[in-house]
Amino acid sequence: MGARKLNYYQSYSDFYDQMRQEHLKITREKLEEKTRRYKRNRRIQFLSMSCVACCIVFGLLSLLVFRYATIFEINYNIQGLEREIHILELEKEDLYSQMDSTVVLKNVEMVAIHDLGMQYPKSEQIVYLNQKWDYKLAENQRDFEVAQNSNQNQSVMSNNYMAYIQLWLSDD
């Protein structure tokens, strides 16, 4: 009986040790599984956050490149329009020079006489200009002389037109 008790106690302690080891093994496996899942989840979170960060950076860089492309395109269009303006200005100058070369004074005279009914000035319509302007700066006579000269200037200016026409026509 003593041997049996020894076997019984020995088998119980072996059983207890075996159960404890199995429990420790299961607990270790669960802990390892949890750590593996935790590491896997952390890797997945890291990868997903990295992908999101990369997408954001790519989006910002794409927006920046798009803005620079738009600015470049606008500058290119502006340069093209400036070139076109320059070409049109050169063409305008050519047309003005062609127009100036086609105007003949004889043709202008004929149109003025026949179409517009103009005539050469008569001798009583011709006014000769005096280039001396004499202003006295005396205090009491100053206002009177300036007014007198301005009245003379108005009459002279009205007759200037006819005098210039006569001078112009006499040069031909």
C-alpha atoms as a PDB file:
ATOM      1  CA  MET A   1       0.000   0.000   0.000  1.00  0.00           C
ATOM      2  CA  GLY A   2       2.799   2.306   0.632  1.00  0.00           C
ATOM      3  CA  ALA A   3       4.014   1.861  -2.906  1.00  0.00           C
ATOM      4  CA  ARG A   4       0.666   2.697  -4.192  1.00  0.00           C
ATOM      5  CA  LYS A   5       0.514   5.824  -2.192  1.00  0.00           C
ATOM      6  CA  LEU A   6       3.914   6.738  -3.506  1.00  0.00           C
ATOM      7  CA  ASN A   7       2.704   6.134  -7.075  1.00  0.00           C
ATOM      8  CA  TYR A   8      -0.451   7.963  -6.405  1.00  0.00           C
ATOM      9  CA  TYR A   9       1.380  10.966  -5.025  1.00  0.00           C
ATOM     10  CA  GLN A  10       4.003  10.688  -7.657  1.00  0.00           C
ATOM     11  CA  SER A  11       1.425  10.383 -10.431  1.00  0.00           C
ATOM     12  CA  TYR A  12      -0.568  13.293  -8.915  1.00  0.00           C
ATOM     13  CA  SER A  13       2.469  15.564  -8.758  1.00  0.00           C
ATOM     14  CA  ASP A  14       3.441  14.444 -12.266  1.00  0.00           C
ATOM     15  CA  PHE A  15      -0.096  15.110 -13.405  1.00  0.00           C
ATOM     16  CA  TYR A  16      -0.081  18.478 -11.666  1.00  0.00           C
ATOM     17  CA  ASP A  17       3.311  19.335 -13.210  1.00  0.00           C
ATOM     18  CA  GLN A  18       2.112  18.171 -16.585  1.00  0.00           C
ATOM     19  CA  MET A  19      -1.091  20.217 -16.274  1.00  0.00           C
ATOM     20  CA  ARG A  20       0.850  23.238 -15.105  1.00  0.00           C
ATOM     21  CA  GLN A  21       3.288  22.897 -17.983  1.00  0.00           C
ATOM     22  CA  GLU A  22       0.408  22.521 -20.457  1.00  0.00           C
ATOM     23  CA  HIS A  23      -1.272  25.546 -18.919  1.00  0.00           C
ATOM     24  CA  LEU A  24       2.003  27.504 -19.142  1.00  0.00           C
ATOM     25  CA  LYS A  25       2.462  26.295 -22.728  1.00  0.00           C
ATOM     26  CA  ILE A  26      -1.076  27.372 -23.658  1.00  0.00           C
ATOM     27  CA  THR A  27      -0.590  30.701 -21.886  1.00  0.00           C
ATOM     28  CA  ARG A  28       2.751  31.250 -23.667  1.00  0.00           C
ATOM     29  CA  GLU A  29       1.149  30.375 -27.005  1.00  0.00           C
ATOM     30  CA  LYS A  30      -1.717  32.795 -26.310  1.00  0.00           C
ATOM     31  CA  LEU A  31       0.761  35.485 -25.294  1.00  0.00           C
ATOM     32  CA  GLU A  32       2.870  34.864 -28.393  1.00  0.00           C
ATOM     33  CA  GLU A  33      -0.281  34.913 -30.530  1.00  0.00           C
ATOM     34  CA  LYS A  34      -1.326  38.214 -28.925  1.00  0.00           C
ATOM     35  CA  THR A  35       2.116  39.716 -29.459  1.00  0.00           C
ATOM     36  CA  ARG A  36       2.120  38.495 -33.079  1.00  0.00           C
ATOM     37  CA  ARG A  37      -1.332  40.022 -33.635  1.00  0.00           C
ATOM     38  CA  TYR A  38      -0.240  43.231 -31.898  1.00  0.00           C
ATOM     39  CA  LYS A  39       2.905  43.441 -34.041  1.00  0.00           C
ATOM     40  CA  ARG A  40       0.915  42.613 -37.191  1.00  0.00           C
ATOM     41  CA  ASN A  41      -1.678  45.272 -36.322  1.00  0.00           C
ATOM     42  CA  ARG A  42       1.078  47.799 -35.608  1.00  0.00           C
ATOM     43  CA  ARG A  43       2.711  46.976 -38.964  1.00  0.00           C
ATOM     44  CA  ILE A  44      -0.636  47.336 -40.724  1.00  0.00           C
ATOM     45  CA  GLN A  45      -1.269  50.663 -38.951  1.00  0.00           C
ATOM     46  CA  PHE A  46       2.215  51.854 -39.823  1.00  0.00           C
ATOM     47  CA  LEU A  47       1.772  50.832 -43.471  1.00  0.00           C
ATOM     48  CA  SER A  48      -1.674  52.403 -43.690  1.00  0.00           C
ATOM     49  CA  MET A  49      -0.454  55.645 -42.067  1.00  0.00           C
ATOM     50  CA  SER A  50       2.571  55.619 -44.380  1.00  0.00           C
ATOM     51  CA  CYS A  51       0.301  55.160 -47.402  1.00  0.00           C
ATOM     52  CA  VAL A  52      -1.959  57.998 -46.251  1.00  0.00           C
ATOM     53  CA  ALA A  53       1.068  60.251 -45.661  1.00  0.00           C
ATOM     54  CA  CYS A  54       2.480  59.353 -49.091  1.00  0.00           C
ATOM     55  CA  CYS A  55      -0.883  60.070 -50.721  1.00  0.00           C
ATOM     56  CA  ILE A  56      -1.079  63.442 -48.987  1.00  0.00           C
ATOM     57  CA  VAL A  57       2.481  64.351 -49.998  1.00  0.00           C
ATOM     58  CA  PHE A  58       1.843  63.165 -53.557  1.00  0.00           C
ATOM     59  CA  GLY A  59      -1.379  65.182 -53.683  1.00  0.00           C
ATOM     60  CA  LEU A  60       0.334  68.325 -52.431  1.00  0.00           C
ATOM     61  CA  LEU A  61       3.197  67.900 -54.880  1.00  0.00           C
ATOM     62  CA  SER A  62       0.723  67.284 -57.707  1.00  0.00           C
ATOM     63  CA  LEU A  63      -1.137  70.461 -56.751  1.00  0.00           C
ATOM     64  CA  LEU A  64       2.134  72.385 -56.696  1.00  0.00           C
ATOM     65  CA  VAL A  65       3.168  71.050 -60.109  1.00  0.00           C
ATOM     66  CA  PHE A  66      -0.295  71.840 -61.487  1.00  0.00           C
ATOM     67  CA  ARG A  67      -0.055  75.436 -60.208  1.00  0.00           C
ATOM     68  CA  TYR A  68       3.394  75.879 -61.755  1.00  0.00           C
ATOM     69  CA  ALA A  69       2.138  74.421 -65.031  1.00  0.00           C
ATOM     70  CA  THR A  70      -0.804  76.821 -65.011  1.00  0.00           C
ATOM     71  CA  ILE A  71       1.469  79.789 -64.321  1.00  0.00           C
ATOM     72  CA  PHE A  72       3.834  78.682 -67.099  1.00  0.00           C
ATOM     73  CA  GLU A  73       0.931  78.333 -69.530  1.00  0.00           C
ATOM     74  CA  ILE A  74      -0.396  81.798 -68.660  1.00  0.00           C
ATOM     75  CA  ASN A  75       3.072  83.333 -69.107  1.00  0.00           C
ATOM     76  CA  TYR A  76       3.421  81.547 -72.440  1.00  0.00           C
ATOM     77  CA  ASN A  77       0.055  82.937 -73.581  1.00  0.00           C
ATOM     78  CA  ILE A  78       1.033  86.433 -72.426  1.00  0.00           C
ATOM     79  CA  GLN A  79       4.282  86.269 -74.380  1.00  0.00           C
ATOM     80  CA  GLY A  80       2.394  85.100 -77.455  1.00  0.00           C
ATOM     81  CA  LEU A  81      -0.067  87.975 -77.152  1.00  0.00           C
ATOM     82  CA  GLU A  82       2.758  90.471 -76.627  1.00  0.00           C
ATOM     83  CA  ARG A  83       4.458  89.117 -79.752  1.00  0.00           C
ATOM     84  CA  GLU A  84       1.172  89.482 -81.655  1.00  0.00           C
ATOM     85  CA  ILE A  85       0.762  93.056 -80.357  1.00  0.00           C
ATOM     86  CA  HIS A  86       4.293  93.875 -81.501  1.00  0.00           C
ATOM     87  CA  ILE A  87       3.608  92.433 -84.971  1.00  0.00           C
ATOM     88  CA  LEU A  88       0.339  94.380 -85.215  1.00  0.00           C
ATOM     89  CA  GLU A  89       2.100  97.600 -84.163  1.00  0.00           C
ATOM     90  CA  LEU A  90       4.707  97.062 -86.880  1.00  0.00           C
ATOM     91  CA  GLU A  91       1.922  96.440 -89.389  1.00  0.00           C
ATOM     92  CA  LYS A  92       0.147  99.588 -88.182  1.00  0.00           C
ATOM     93  CA  GLU A  93       3.321 101.638 -88.686  1.00  0.00           C
ATOM     94  CA  ASP A  94       3.704 100.203 -92.192  1.00  0.00           C
ATOM     95  CA  LEU A  95       0.119 101.129 -93.012  1.00  0.00           C
ATOM     96  CA  TYR A  96       0.642 104.659 -91.677  1.00  0.00           C
ATOM     97  CA  SER A  97       3.780 105.045 -93.784  1.00  0.00           C
ATOM     98  CA  GLN A  98       1.917 103.739 -96.854  1.00  0.00           C
ATOM     99  CA  MET A  99      -0.938 106.132 -96.151  1.00  0.00           C
ATOM    100  CA  ASP A 100       1.442 109.064 -95.712  1.00  0.00           C
ATOM    101  CA  SER A 101       3.189 108.234 -98.971  1.00  0.00           C
ATOM    102  CA  THR A 102      -0.114 108.073-100.887  1.00  0.00           C
ATOM    103  CA  VAL A 103      -1.297 111.502 -99.742  1.00  0.00           C
ATOM    104  CA  VAL A 104      -0.401 113.974-102.491  1.00  0.00           C
ATOM    105  CA  LEU A 105      -0.846 117.665-101.798  1.00  0.00           C
ATOM    106  CA  LYS A 106      -2.312 118.286-105.248  1.00  0.00           C
ATOM    107  CA  ASN A 107      -5.050 115.743-104.504  1.00  0.00           C
ATOM    108  CA  VAL A 108      -5.784 117.426-101.179  1.00  0.00           C
ATOM    109  CA  GLU A 109      -5.980 120.808-102.913  1.00  0.00           C
ATOM    110  CA  MET A 110      -8.386 119.450-105.544  1.00  0.00           C
ATOM    111  CA  VAL A 111     -10.634 117.884-102.912  1.00  0.00           C
ATOM    112  CA  ALA A 112     -10.618 121.081-100.835  1.00  0.00           C
ATOM    113  CA  ILE A 113     -11.489 123.297-103.802  1.00  0.00           C
ATOM    114  CA  HIS A 114     -13.986 121.095-105.649  1.00  0.00           C
ATOM    115  CA  ASP A 115     -15.583 118.879-102.991  1.00  0.00           C
ATOM    116  CA  LEU A 116     -15.447 121.115 -99.910  1.00  0.00           C
ATOM    117  CA  GLY A 117     -15.930 124.427-101.720  1.00  0.00           C
ATOM    118  CA  MET A 118     -12.834 126.103-100.305  1.00  0.00           C
ATOM    119  CA  GLN A 119     -11.093 128.944-102.129  1.00  0.00           C
ATOM    120  CA  TYR A 120      -7.818 130.794-102.004  1.00  0.00           C
ATOM    121  CA  PRO A 121      -7.869 133.792 -99.643  1.00  0.00           C
ATOM    122  CA  LYS A 122      -8.370 137.234-101.113  1.00  0.00           C
ATOM    123  CA  SER A 123      -5.931 140.014-100.421  1.00  0.00           C
ATOM    124  CA  GLU A 124      -8.196 141.613 -97.818  1.00  0.00           C
ATOM    125  CA  GLN A 125      -8.412 138.299 -95.934  1.00  0.00           C
ATOM    126  CA  ILE A 126      -4.660 137.997 -95.463  1.00  0.00           C
ATOM    127  CA  VAL A 127      -3.321 139.079 -92.094  1.00  0.00           C
ATOM    128  CA  TYR A 128       0.353 139.460 -91.398  1.00  0.00           C
ATOM    129  CA  LEU A 129       1.575 138.667 -87.936  1.00  0.00           C
ATOM    130  CA  ASN A 130       3.856 140.827 -85.899  1.00  0.00           C
ATOM    131  CA  GLN A 131       6.100 138.778 -83.711  1.00  0.00           C
ATOM    132  CA  LYS A 132       6.877 141.561 -81.273  1.00  0.00           C
ATOM    133  CA  TRP A 133       4.968 141.195 -78.055  1.00  0.00           C
ATOM    134  CA  ASP A 134       5.562 144.160 -75.866  1.00  0.00           C
ATOM    135  CA  TYR A 135       4.402 143.753 -72.280  1.00  0.00           C
ATOM    136  CA  LYS A 136       5.052 146.502 -69.812  1.00  0.00           C
ATOM    137  CA  LEU A 137       5.195 145.479 -66.204  1.00  0.00           C
ATOM    138  CA  ALA A 138       4.207 148.808 -64.676  1.00  0.00           C
ATOM    139  CA  GLU A 139       1.750 148.266 -61.837  1.00  0.00           C
ATOM    140  CA  ASN A 140      -1.008 150.586 -62.975  1.00  0.00           C
ATOM    141  CA  GLN A 141      -0.909 149.814 -66.695  1.00  0.00           C
ATOM    142  CA  ARG A 142      -0.309 146.062 -66.481  1.00  0.00           C
ATOM    143  CA  ASP A 143      -3.936 144.857 -66.452  1.00  0.00           C
ATOM    144  CA  PHE A 144      -4.926 147.167 -69.287  1.00  0.00           C
ATOM    145  CA  GLU A 145      -2.027 146.159 -71.538  1.00  0.00           C
ATOM    146  CA  VAL A 146      -2.512 142.431 -70.947  1.00  0.00           C
ATOM    147  CA  ALA A 147      -6.227 142.745 -71.755  1.00  0.00           C
ATOM    148  CA  GLN A 148      -5.440 144.812 -74.842  1.00  0.00           C
ATOM    149  CA  ASN A 149      -2.874 142.253 -76.017  1.00  0.00           C
ATOM    150  CA  SER A 150      -5.284 139.361 -75.402  1.00  0.00           C
ATOM    151  CA  ASN A 151      -7.929 141.097 -77.566  1.00  0.00           C
ATOM    152  CA  GLN A 152      -5.325 141.548 -80.284  1.00  0.00           C
ATOM    153  CA  ASN A 153      -4.316 137.904 -79.889  1.00  0.00           C
ATOM    154  CA  GLN A 154      -7.900 136.742 -80.436  1.00  0.00           C
ATOM    155  CA  SER A 155      -8.293 138.728 -83.625  1.00  0.00           C
ATOM    156  CA  VAL A 156      -4.878 137.618 -84.797  1.00  0.00           C
ATOM    157  CA  MET A 157      -5.659 133.973 -83.996  1.00  0.00           C
ATOM    158  CA  SER A 158      -8.877 134.073 -85.998  1.00  0.00           C
ATOM    159  CA  ASN A 159      -6.931 135.386 -88.978  1.00  0.00           C
ATOM    160  CA  ASN A 160      -3.954 133.053 -88.427  1.00  0.00           C
ATOM    161  CA  TYR A 161      -5.740 130.175 -90.049  1.00  0.00           C
ATOM    162  CA  MET A 162      -6.137 132.000 -93.332  1.00  0.00           C
ATOM    163  CA  ALA A 163      -2.525 133.196 -93.273  1.00  0.00           C
ATOM    164  CA  TYR A 164      -1.244 129.673 -92.717  1.00  0.00           C
ATOM    165  CA  ILE A 165      -3.321 128.393 -95.615  1.00  0.00           C
ATOM    166  CA  GLN A 166      -1.870 131.045 -97.892  1.00  0.00           C
ATOM    167  CA  LEU A 167       1.665 130.235 -96.792  1.00  0.00           C
ATOM    168  CA  TRP A 168       1.064 126.574 -97.335  1.00  0.00           C
ATOM    169  CA  LEU A 169      -0.379 127.025-100.792  1.00  0.00           C
ATOM    170  CA  SER A 170       2.372 129.450-101.808  1.00  0.00           C
ATOM    171  CA  ASP A 171       5.059 126.861-100.970  1.00  0.00           C
ATOM    172  CA  ASP A 172       3.829 124.573-103.741  1.00  0.00           C
END
